[in-house]
Amino acid sequence: MPENIDIDNILIGMVTVGERGQIVIPAEARKKMNIYTGERLIAVCNPNHNGIAFLKMNEMKNFVNQISSRLDGLENSLKGYSEKFDDSDNLSEVDNAK
């Protein structure tokens, strides 16, 4: 683990899975993360399938929207650049120059 991570800011409680598979998010964690009754969370697992994290739905939407807009901008920036190399006439000229 990197040295600059404070473990006290990462570990915010422990939960027990009930009979119906439910968990209760500790009050401290709900307060720290501003999680309110009825709020939707996304459950994700790590690649090894041995851990679960919960992400706020609205934060995930914001994150995806930011990525999408940045990709759109990148795509537009690269469009003119890639057209120079995608044009088959330009490739023919390069082949003829050899």
PDB file of N, CA and C in Angstrom:
ATOM      1  N   MET A   1       0.842  -1.174   0.000  1.00  0.00           N
ATOM      2  CA  MET A   1       0.000   0.000   0.000  1.00  0.00           C
ATOM      3  C   MET A   1       0.893   1.244   0.000  1.00  0.00           C
ATOM      4  N   PRO A   2       0.543   2.256  -0.816  1.00  0.00           N
ATOM      5  CA  PRO A   2       1.351   3.473  -0.835  1.00  0.00           C
ATOM      6  C   PRO A   2       1.415   4.113   0.544  1.00  0.00           C
ATOM      7  N   GLU A   3       2.541   4.741   0.835  1.00  0.00           N
ATOM      8  CA  GLU A   3       2.772   5.317   2.156  1.00  0.00           C
ATOM      9  C   GLU A   3       1.853   6.482   2.484  1.00  0.00           C
ATOM     10  N   ASN A   4       1.382   7.232   1.483  1.00  0.00           N
ATOM     11  CA  ASN A   4       0.612   8.440   1.745  1.00  0.00           C
ATOM     12  C   ASN A   4      -0.880   8.188   1.998  1.00  0.00           C
ATOM     13  N   ILE A   5      -1.316   6.933   2.048  1.00  0.00           N
ATOM     14  CA  ILE A   5      -2.712   6.618   2.311  1.00  0.00           C
ATOM     15  C   ILE A   5      -2.903   6.382   3.807  1.00  0.00           C
ATOM     16  N   ASP A   6      -3.829   7.136   4.394  1.00  0.00           N
ATOM     17  CA  ASP A   6      -4.145   6.997   5.815  1.00  0.00           C
ATOM     18  C   ASP A   6      -5.233   5.931   5.957  1.00  0.00           C
ATOM     19  N   ILE A   7      -4.907   4.801   6.530  1.00  0.00           N
ATOM     20  CA  ILE A   7      -5.825   3.673   6.649  1.00  0.00           C
ATOM     21  C   ILE A   7      -7.106   4.069   7.386  1.00  0.00           C
ATOM     22  N   ASP A   8      -7.026   5.035   8.301  1.00  0.00           N
ATOM     23  CA  ASP A   8      -8.206   5.485   9.038  1.00  0.00           C
ATOM     24  C   ASP A   8      -9.216   6.193   8.140  1.00  0.00           C
ATOM     25  N   ASN A   9      -8.767   6.725   7.026  1.00  0.00           N
ATOM     26  CA  ASN A   9      -9.679   7.367   6.077  1.00  0.00           C
ATOM     27  C   ASN A   9     -10.275   6.377   5.091  1.00  0.00           C
ATOM     28  N   ILE A  10      -9.769   5.159   5.072  1.00  0.00           N
ATOM     29  CA  ILE A  10     -10.264   4.145   4.136  1.00  0.00           C
ATOM     30  C   ILE A  10     -11.228   3.193   4.833  1.00  0.00           C
ATOM     31  N   LEU A  11     -10.825   2.681   5.989  1.00  0.00           N
ATOM     32  CA  LEU A  11     -11.671   1.747   6.724  1.00  0.00           C
ATOM     33  C   LEU A  11     -12.672   2.541   7.552  1.00  0.00           C
ATOM     34  N   ILE A  12     -13.954   2.371   7.228  1.00  0.00           N
ATOM     35  CA  ILE A  12     -14.965   3.184   7.920  1.00  0.00           C
ATOM     36  C   ILE A  12     -16.029   2.339   8.604  1.00  0.00           C
ATOM     37  N   GLY A  13     -15.737   1.079   8.835  1.00  0.00           N
ATOM     38  CA  GLY A  13     -16.679   0.256   9.568  1.00  0.00           C
ATOM     39  C   GLY A  13     -16.654  -1.184   9.102  1.00  0.00           C
ATOM     40  N   MET A  14     -17.461  -1.990   9.785  1.00  0.00           N
ATOM     41  CA  MET A  14     -17.591  -3.391   9.443  1.00  0.00           C
ATOM     42  C   MET A  14     -19.078  -3.706   9.379  1.00  0.00           C
ATOM     43  N   VAL A  15     -19.451  -4.601   8.484  1.00  0.00           N
ATOM     44  CA  VAL A  15     -20.854  -4.982   8.351  1.00  0.00           C
ATOM     45  C   VAL A  15     -20.975  -6.493   8.433  1.00  0.00           C
ATOM     46  N   THR A  16     -22.169  -6.949   8.762  1.00  0.00           N
ATOM     47  CA  THR A  16     -22.486  -8.373   8.789  1.00  0.00           C
ATOM     48  C   THR A  16     -23.624  -8.614   7.812  1.00  0.00           C
ATOM     49  N   VAL A  17     -23.509  -9.654   7.032  1.00  0.00           N
ATOM     50  CA  VAL A  17     -24.556  -9.991   6.075  1.00  0.00           C
ATOM     51  C   VAL A  17     -25.659 -10.730   6.829  1.00  0.00           C
ATOM     52  N   GLY A  18     -26.892 -10.211   6.724  1.00  0.00           N
ATOM     53  CA  GLY A  18     -28.033 -10.827   7.384  1.00  0.00           C
ATOM     54  C   GLY A  18     -28.558 -12.029   6.616  1.00  0.00           C
ATOM     55  N   GLU A  19     -29.585 -12.658   7.158  1.00  0.00           N
ATOM     56  CA  GLU A  19     -30.162 -13.857   6.560  1.00  0.00           C
ATOM     57  C   GLU A  19     -30.633 -13.643   5.126  1.00  0.00           C
ATOM     58  N   ARG A  20     -31.136 -12.467   4.833  1.00  0.00           N
ATOM     59  CA  ARG A  20     -31.636 -12.175   3.492  1.00  0.00           C
ATOM     60  C   ARG A  20     -30.580 -11.518   2.603  1.00  0.00           C
ATOM     61  N   GLY A  21     -29.328 -11.545   3.022  1.00  0.00           N
ATOM     62  CA  GLY A  21     -28.248 -10.974   2.221  1.00  0.00           C
ATOM     63  C   GLY A  21     -28.095  -9.475   2.376  1.00  0.00           C
ATOM     64  N   GLN A  22     -28.790  -8.890   3.318  1.00  0.00           N
ATOM     65  CA  GLN A  22     -28.733  -7.446   3.515  1.00  0.00           C
ATOM     66  C   GLN A  22     -27.589  -7.056   4.429  1.00  0.00           C
ATOM     67  N   ILE A  23     -27.093  -5.843   4.205  1.00  0.00           N
ATOM     68  CA  ILE A  23     -26.092  -5.258   5.096  1.00  0.00           C
ATOM     69  C   ILE A  23     -26.581  -3.880   5.514  1.00  0.00           C
ATOM     70  N   VAL A  24     -26.069  -3.386   6.617  1.00  0.00           N
ATOM     71  CA  VAL A  24     -26.354  -2.029   7.065  1.00  0.00           C
ATOM     72  C   VAL A  24     -25.052  -1.248   6.970  1.00  0.00           C
ATOM     73  N   ILE A  25     -25.091  -0.157   6.241  1.00  0.00           N
ATOM     74  CA  ILE A  25     -23.905   0.700   6.135  1.00  0.00           C
ATOM     75  C   ILE A  25     -23.774   1.458   7.456  1.00  0.00           C
ATOM     76  N   PRO A  26     -22.608   1.384   8.096  1.00  0.00           N
ATOM     77  CA  PRO A  26     -22.442   2.056   9.391  1.00  0.00           C
ATOM     78  C   PRO A  26     -22.774   3.546   9.312  1.00  0.00           C
ATOM     79  N   ALA A  27     -23.360   4.058  10.383  1.00  0.00           N
ATOM     80  CA  ALA A  27     -23.773   5.463  10.436  1.00  0.00           C
ATOM     81  C   ALA A  27     -22.610   6.405  10.121  1.00  0.00           C
ATOM     82  N   GLU A  28     -21.440   6.097  10.647  1.00  0.00           N
ATOM     83  CA  GLU A  28     -20.262   6.953  10.390  1.00  0.00           C
ATOM     84  C   GLU A  28     -19.961   7.023   8.893  1.00  0.00           C
ATOM     85  N   ALA A  29     -20.065   5.881   8.222  1.00  0.00           N
ATOM     86  CA  ALA A  29     -19.803   5.841   6.788  1.00  0.00           C
ATOM     87  C   ALA A  29     -20.865   6.626   6.017  1.00  0.00           C
ATOM     88  N   ARG A  30     -22.131   6.454   6.400  1.00  0.00           N
ATOM     89  CA  ARG A  30     -23.216   7.191   5.734  1.00  0.00           C
ATOM     90  C   ARG A  30     -23.025   8.689   5.895  1.00  0.00           C
ATOM     91  N   LYS A  31     -22.634   9.099   7.093  1.00  0.00           N
ATOM     92  CA  LYS A  31     -22.421  10.528   7.356  1.00  0.00           C
ATOM     93  C   LYS A  31     -21.236  11.054   6.544  1.00  0.00           C
ATOM     94  N   LYS A  32     -20.144  10.321   6.579  1.00  0.00           N
ATOM     95  CA  LYS A  32     -18.927  10.736   5.885  1.00  0.00           C
ATOM     96  C   LYS A  32     -19.144  10.829   4.374  1.00  0.00           C
ATOM     97  N   MET A  33     -19.939   9.910   3.837  1.00  0.00           N
ATOM     98  CA  MET A  33     -20.154   9.839   2.391  1.00  0.00           C
ATOM     99  C   MET A  33     -21.446  10.538   1.943  1.00  0.00           C
ATOM    100  N   ASN A  34     -22.161  11.171   2.885  1.00  0.00           N
ATOM    101  CA  ASN A  34     -23.435  11.839   2.578  1.00  0.00           C
ATOM    102  C   ASN A  34     -24.403  10.896   1.866  1.00  0.00           C
ATOM    103  N   ILE A  35     -24.594   9.729   2.440  1.00  0.00           N
ATOM    104  CA  ILE A  35     -25.530   8.739   1.910  1.00  0.00           C
ATOM    105  C   ILE A  35     -26.816   8.838   2.723  1.00  0.00           C
ATOM    106  N   TYR A  36     -27.926   9.046   2.018  1.00  0.00           N
ATOM    107  CA  TYR A  36     -29.209   9.248   2.680  1.00  0.00           C
ATOM    108  C   TYR A  36     -30.183   8.127   2.343  1.00  0.00           C
ATOM    109  N   THR A  37     -31.207   7.971   3.176  1.00  0.00           N
ATOM    110  CA  THR A  37     -32.238   6.970   2.985  1.00  0.00           C
ATOM    111  C   THR A  37     -32.816   7.061   1.575  1.00  0.00           C
ATOM    112  N   GLY A  38     -32.910   5.932   0.909  1.00  0.00           N
ATOM    113  CA  GLY A  38     -33.484   5.877  -0.436  1.00  0.00           C
ATOM    114  C   GLY A  38     -32.492   6.150  -1.559  1.00  0.00           C
ATOM    115  N   GLU A  39     -31.275   6.548  -1.210  1.00  0.00           N
ATOM    116  CA  GLU A  39     -30.270   6.832  -2.242  1.00  0.00           C
ATOM    117  C   GLU A  39     -29.839   5.535  -2.913  1.00  0.00           C
ATOM    118  N   ARG A  40     -29.656   5.600  -4.238  1.00  0.00           N
ATOM    119  CA  ARG A  40     -29.262   4.421  -4.991  1.00  0.00           C
ATOM    120  C   ARG A  40     -27.739   4.309  -5.047  1.00  0.00           C
ATOM    121  N   LEU A  41     -27.260   3.096  -4.804  1.00  0.00           N
ATOM    122  CA  LEU A  41     -25.832   2.809  -4.858  1.00  0.00           C
ATOM    123  C   LEU A  41     -25.597   1.704  -5.871  1.00  0.00           C
ATOM    124  N   ILE A  42     -24.448   1.742  -6.510  1.00  0.00           N
ATOM    125  CA  ILE A  42     -24.039   0.683  -7.430  1.00  0.00           C
ATOM    126  C   ILE A  42     -23.063  -0.209  -6.678  1.00  0.00           C
ATOM    127  N   ALA A  43     -23.300  -1.513  -6.717  1.00  0.00           N
ATOM    128  CA  ALA A  43     -22.385  -2.469  -6.081  1.00  0.00           C
ATOM    129  C   ALA A  43     -21.445  -2.994  -7.157  1.00  0.00           C
ATOM    130  N   VAL A  44     -20.141  -2.889  -6.909  1.00  0.00           N
ATOM    131  CA  VAL A  44     -19.141  -3.387  -7.849  1.00  0.00           C
ATOM    132  C   VAL A  44     -18.188  -4.312  -7.095  1.00  0.00           C
ATOM    133  N   CYS A  45     -17.659  -5.289  -7.808  1.00  0.00           N
ATOM    134  CA  CYS A  45     -16.688  -6.181  -7.180  1.00  0.00           C
ATOM    135  C   CYS A  45     -15.328  -5.963  -7.836  1.00  0.00           C
ATOM    136  N   ASN A  46     -14.291  -6.375  -7.139  1.00  0.00           N
ATOM    137  CA  ASN A  46     -12.951  -6.262  -7.710  1.00  0.00           C
ATOM    138  C   ASN A  46     -12.734  -7.417  -8.694  1.00  0.00           C
ATOM    139  N   PRO A  47     -11.686  -7.348  -9.492  1.00  0.00           N
ATOM    140  CA  PRO A  47     -11.462  -8.382 -10.522  1.00  0.00           C
ATOM    141  C   PRO A  47     -11.355  -9.806  -9.977  1.00  0.00           C
ATOM    142  N   ASN A  48     -10.923  -9.973  -8.736  1.00  0.00           N
ATOM    143  CA  ASN A  48     -10.789 -11.312  -8.157  1.00  0.00           C
ATOM    144  C   ASN A  48     -12.087 -11.811  -7.520  1.00  0.00           C
ATOM    145  N   HIS A  49     -13.118 -10.980  -7.534  1.00  0.00           N
ATOM    146  CA  HIS A  49     -14.428 -11.313  -6.950  1.00  0.00           C
ATOM    147  C   HIS A  49     -14.335 -11.669  -5.470  1.00  0.00           C
ATOM    148  N   ASN A  50     -13.479 -10.956  -4.751  1.00  0.00           N
ATOM    149  CA  ASN A  50     -13.379 -11.210  -3.316  1.00  0.00           C
ATOM    150  C   ASN A  50     -13.611  -9.948  -2.483  1.00  0.00           C
ATOM    151  N   GLY A  51     -14.237  -8.949  -3.088  1.00  0.00           N
ATOM    152  CA  GLY A  51     -14.545  -7.722  -2.375  1.00  0.00           C
ATOM    153  C   GLY A  51     -15.629  -6.944  -3.090  1.00  0.00           C
ATOM    154  N   ILE A  52     -16.377  -6.144  -2.337  1.00  0.00           N
ATOM    155  CA  ILE A  52     -17.462  -5.332  -2.888  1.00  0.00           C
ATOM    156  C   ILE A  52     -17.249  -3.888  -2.475  1.00  0.00           C
ATOM    157  N   ALA A  53     -17.518  -2.974  -3.396  1.00  0.00           N
ATOM    158  CA  ALA A  53     -17.521  -1.545  -3.094  1.00  0.00           C
ATOM    159  C   ALA A  53     -18.860  -0.985  -3.556  1.00  0.00           C
ATOM    160  N   PHE A  54     -19.326   0.046  -2.890  1.00  0.00           N
ATOM    161  CA  PHE A  54     -20.577   0.695  -3.254  1.00  0.00           C
ATOM    162  C   PHE A  54     -20.277   2.115  -3.712  1.00  0.00           C
ATOM    163  N   LEU A  55     -20.831   2.479  -4.850  1.00  0.00           N
ATOM    164  CA  LEU A  55     -20.637   3.805  -5.424  1.00  0.00           C
ATOM    165  C   LEU A  55     -21.986   4.495  -5.536  1.00  0.00           C
ATOM    166  N   LYS A  56     -22.023   5.786  -5.230  1.00  0.00           N
ATOM    167  CA  LYS A  56     -23.267   6.534  -5.341  1.00  0.00           C
ATOM    168  C   LYS A  56     -23.651   6.652  -6.818  1.00  0.00           C
ATOM    169  N   MET A  57     -24.908   6.327  -7.124  1.00  0.00           N
ATOM    170  CA  MET A  57     -25.385   6.340  -8.506  1.00  0.00           C
ATOM    171  C   MET A  57     -25.179   7.700  -9.164  1.00  0.00           C
ATOM    172  N   ASN A  58     -25.541   8.777  -8.471  1.00  0.00           N
ATOM    173  CA  ASN A  58     -25.404  10.101  -9.088  1.00  0.00           C
ATOM    174  C   ASN A  58     -23.942  10.460  -9.335  1.00  0.00           C
ATOM    175  N   GLU A  59     -23.038  10.023  -8.464  1.00  0.00           N
ATOM    176  CA  GLU A  59     -21.614  10.279  -8.679  1.00  0.00           C
ATOM    177  C   GLU A  59     -21.089   9.473  -9.865  1.00  0.00           C
ATOM    178  N   MET A  60     -21.568   8.241 -10.010  1.00  0.00           N
ATOM    179  CA  MET A  60     -21.161   7.416 -11.143  1.00  0.00           C
ATOM    180  C   MET A  60     -21.651   8.038 -12.448  1.00  0.00           C
ATOM    181  N   LYS A  61     -22.883   8.547 -12.453  1.00  0.00           N
ATOM    182  CA  LYS A  61     -23.414   9.211 -13.653  1.00  0.00           C
ATOM    183  C   LYS A  61     -22.551  10.418 -14.013  1.00  0.00           C
ATOM    184  N   ASN A  62     -22.191  11.230 -13.012  1.00  0.00           N
ATOM    185  CA  ASN A  62     -21.339  12.399 -13.263  1.00  0.00           C
ATOM    186  C   ASN A  62     -19.990  11.971 -13.831  1.00  0.00           C
ATOM    187  N   PHE A  63     -19.410  10.925 -13.267  1.00  0.00           N
ATOM    188  CA  PHE A  63     -18.121  10.413 -13.721  1.00  0.00           C
ATOM    189  C   PHE A  63     -18.201   9.952 -15.172  1.00  0.00           C
ATOM    190  N   VAL A  64     -19.230   9.178 -15.501  1.00  0.00           N
ATOM    191  CA  VAL A  64     -19.402   8.681 -16.866  1.00  0.00           C
ATOM    192  C   VAL A  64     -19.627   9.841 -17.838  1.00  0.00           C
ATOM    193  N   ASN A  65     -20.410  10.839 -17.439  1.00  0.00           N
ATOM    194  CA  ASN A  65     -20.642  11.996 -18.295  1.00  0.00           C
ATOM    195  C   ASN A  65     -19.352  12.770 -18.554  1.00  0.00           C
ATOM    196  N   GLN A  66     -18.521  12.917 -17.527  1.00  0.00           N
ATOM    197  CA  GLN A  66     -17.245  13.614 -17.699  1.00  0.00           C
ATOM    198  C   GLN A  66     -16.333  12.855 -18.657  1.00  0.00           C
ATOM    199  N   ILE A  67     -16.268  11.548 -18.494  1.00  0.00           N
ATOM    200  CA  ILE A  67     -15.443  10.739 -19.394  1.00  0.00           C
ATOM    201  C   ILE A  67     -15.964  10.844 -20.818  1.00  0.00           C
ATOM    202  N   SER A  68     -17.276  10.747 -20.973  1.00  0.00           N
ATOM    203  CA  SER A  68     -17.886  10.812 -22.297  1.00  0.00           C
ATOM    204  C   SER A  68     -17.575  12.133 -22.993  1.00  0.00           C
ATOM    205  N   SER A  69     -17.721  13.238 -22.271  1.00  0.00           N
ATOM    206  CA  SER A  69     -17.461  14.542 -22.893  1.00  0.00           C
ATOM    207  C   SER A  69     -15.987  14.702 -23.229  1.00  0.00           C
ATOM    208  N   ARG A  70     -15.119  14.179 -22.394  1.00  0.00           N
ATOM    209  CA  ARG A  70     -13.681  14.262 -22.691  1.00  0.00           C
ATOM    210  C   ARG A  70     -13.318  13.392 -23.890  1.00  0.00           C
ATOM    211  N   LEU A  71     -13.956  12.230 -24.008  1.00  0.00           N
ATOM    212  CA  LEU A  71     -13.703  11.371 -25.164  1.00  0.00           C
ATOM    213  C   LEU A  71     -14.222  12.019 -26.441  1.00  0.00           C
ATOM    214  N   ASP A  72     -15.389  12.676 -26.351  1.00  0.00           N
ATOM    215  CA  ASP A  72     -15.924  13.386 -27.518  1.00  0.00           C
ATOM    216  C   ASP A  72     -14.946  14.471 -27.964  1.00  0.00           C
ATOM    217  N   GLY A  73     -14.424  15.219 -27.001  1.00  0.00           N
ATOM    218  CA  GLY A  73     -13.462  16.261 -27.326  1.00  0.00           C
ATOM    219  C   GLY A  73     -12.191  15.700 -27.932  1.00  0.00           C
ATOM    220  N   LEU A  74     -11.711  14.605 -27.379  1.00  0.00           N
ATOM    221  CA  LEU A  74     -10.512  13.958 -27.909  1.00  0.00           C
ATOM    222  C   LEU A  74     -10.766  13.440 -29.317  1.00  0.00           C
ATOM    223  N   GLU A  75     -11.927  12.831 -29.511  1.00  0.00           N
ATOM    224  CA  GLU A  75     -12.276  12.305 -30.829  1.00  0.00           C
ATOM    225  C   GLU A  75     -12.325  13.430 -31.860  1.00  0.00           C
ATOM    226  N   ASN A  76     -12.924  14.557 -31.508  1.00  0.00           N
ATOM    227  CA  ASN A  76     -12.989  15.694 -32.427  1.00  0.00           C
ATOM    228  C   ASN A  76     -11.603  16.250 -32.721  1.00  0.00           C
ATOM    229  N   SER A  77     -10.759  16.301 -31.701  1.00  0.00           N
ATOM    230  CA  SER A  77      -9.399  16.805 -31.896  1.00  0.00           C
ATOM    231  C   SER A  77      -8.599  15.907 -32.822  1.00  0.00           C
ATOM    232  N   LEU A  78      -8.803  14.613 -32.698  1.00  0.00           N
ATOM    233  CA  LEU A  78      -8.037  13.658 -33.492  1.00  0.00           C
ATOM    234  C   LEU A  78      -8.626  13.419 -34.880  1.00  0.00           C
ATOM    235  N   LYS A  79      -9.875  13.831 -35.078  1.00  0.00           N
ATOM    236  CA  LYS A  79     -10.555  13.560 -36.341  1.00  0.00           C
ATOM    237  C   LYS A  79      -9.772  14.124 -37.535  1.00  0.00           C
ATOM    238  N   GLY A  80      -9.402  15.379 -37.466  1.00  0.00           N
ATOM    239  CA  GLY A  80      -8.653  15.989 -38.558  1.00  0.00           C
ATOM    240  C   GLY A  80      -7.293  15.345 -38.750  1.00  0.00           C
ATOM    241  N   TYR A  81      -6.670  14.985 -37.653  1.00  0.00           N
ATOM    242  CA  TYR A  81      -5.357  14.344 -37.697  1.00  0.00           C
ATOM    243  C   TYR A  81      -5.452  12.975 -38.352  1.00  0.00           C
ATOM    244  N   SER A  82      -6.440  12.183 -37.940  1.00  0.00           N
ATOM    245  CA  SER A  82      -6.551  10.825 -38.464  1.00  0.00           C
ATOM    246  C   SER A  82      -6.982  10.817 -39.920  1.00  0.00           C
ATOM    247  N   GLU A  83      -7.755  11.830 -40.343  1.00  0.00           N
ATOM    248  CA  GLU A  83      -8.191  11.880 -41.746  1.00  0.00           C
ATOM    249  C   GLU A  83      -6.991  11.992 -42.681  1.00  0.00           C
ATOM    250  N   LYS A  84      -5.933  12.622 -42.244  1.00  0.00           N
ATOM    251  CA  LYS A  84      -4.730  12.731 -43.059  1.00  0.00           C
ATOM    252  C   LYS A  84      -4.136  11.359 -43.343  1.00  0.00           C
ATOM    253  N   PHE A  85      -4.244  10.462 -42.365  1.00  0.00           N
ATOM    254  CA  PHE A  85      -3.636   9.147 -42.489  1.00  0.00           C
ATOM    255  C   PHE A  85      -4.609   8.087 -42.983  1.00  0.00           C
ATOM    256  N   ASP A  86      -5.906   8.363 -42.913  1.00  0.00           N
ATOM    257  CA  ASP A  86      -6.902   7.410 -43.375  1.00  0.00           C
ATOM    258  C   ASP A  86      -7.165   7.538 -44.865  1.00  0.00           C
ATOM    259  N   ASP A  87      -6.756   8.617 -45.470  1.00  0.00           N
ATOM    260  CA  ASP A  87      -7.011   8.863 -46.884  1.00  0.00           C
ATOM    261  C   ASP A  87      -6.152   7.926 -47.732  1.00  0.00           C
ATOM    262  N   SER A  88      -6.773   7.082 -48.545  1.00  0.00           N
ATOM    263  CA  SER A  88      -6.032   6.095 -49.341  1.00  0.00           C
ATOM    264  C   SER A  88      -5.146   6.771 -50.389  1.00  0.00           C
ATOM    265  N   ASP A  89      -5.535   7.970 -50.862  1.00  0.00           N
ATOM    266  CA  ASP A  89      -4.688   8.682 -51.825  1.00  0.00           C
ATOM    267  C   ASP A  89      -3.345   9.030 -51.203  1.00  0.00           C
ATOM    268  N   ASN A  90      -3.361   9.444 -49.959  1.00  0.00           N
ATOM    269  CA  ASN A  90      -2.115   9.766 -49.276  1.00  0.00           C
ATOM    270  C   ASN A  90      -1.237   8.531 -49.151  1.00  0.00           C
ATOM    271  N   LEU A  91      -1.827   7.380 -48.915  1.00  0.00           N
ATOM    272  CA  LEU A  91      -1.058   6.151 -48.803  1.00  0.00           C
ATOM    273  C   LEU A  91      -0.449   5.776 -50.157  1.00  0.00           C
ATOM    274  N   SER A  92      -1.198   6.008 -51.218  1.00  0.00           N
ATOM    275  CA  SER A  92      -0.668   5.724 -52.551  1.00  0.00           C
ATOM    276  C   SER A  92       0.534   6.589 -52.838  1.00  0.00           C
ATOM    277  N   GLU A  93       0.458   7.854 -52.454  1.00  0.00           N
ATOM    278  CA  GLU A  93       1.578   8.766 -52.677  1.00  0.00           C
ATOM    279  C   GLU A  93       2.802   8.316 -51.895  1.00  0.00           C
ATOM    280  N   VAL A  94       2.589   7.836 -50.671  1.00  0.00           N
ATOM    281  CA  VAL A  94       3.704   7.351 -49.861  1.00  0.00           C
ATOM    282  C   VAL A  94       4.300   6.107 -50.489  1.00  0.00           C
ATOM    283  N   ASP A  95       3.468   5.192 -50.964  1.00  0.00           N
ATOM    284  CA  ASP A  95       3.946   3.969 -51.612  1.00  0.00           C
ATOM    285  C   ASP A  95       4.728   4.316 -52.874  1.00  0.00           C
ATOM    286  N   ASN A  96       4.246   5.278 -53.649  1.00  0.00           N
ATOM    287  CA  ASN A  96       4.950   5.663 -54.888  1.00  0.00           C
ATOM    288  C   ASN A  96       6.273   6.337 -54.609  1.00  0.00           C
ATOM    289  N   ALA A  97       6.406   6.976 -53.480  1.00  0.00           N
ATOM    290  CA  ALA A  97       7.651   7.666 -53.139  1.00  0.00           C
ATOM    291  C   ALA A  97       8.748   6.666 -52.798  1.00  0.00           C
ATOM    292  N   LYS A  98       8.386   5.451 -52.431  1.00  0.00           N
ATOM    293  CA  LYS A  98       9.383   4.427 -52.076  1.00  0.00           C
ATOM    294  C   LYS A  98      10.028   3.986 -53.314  1.00  0.00           C
TER     295      LYS A  98
END
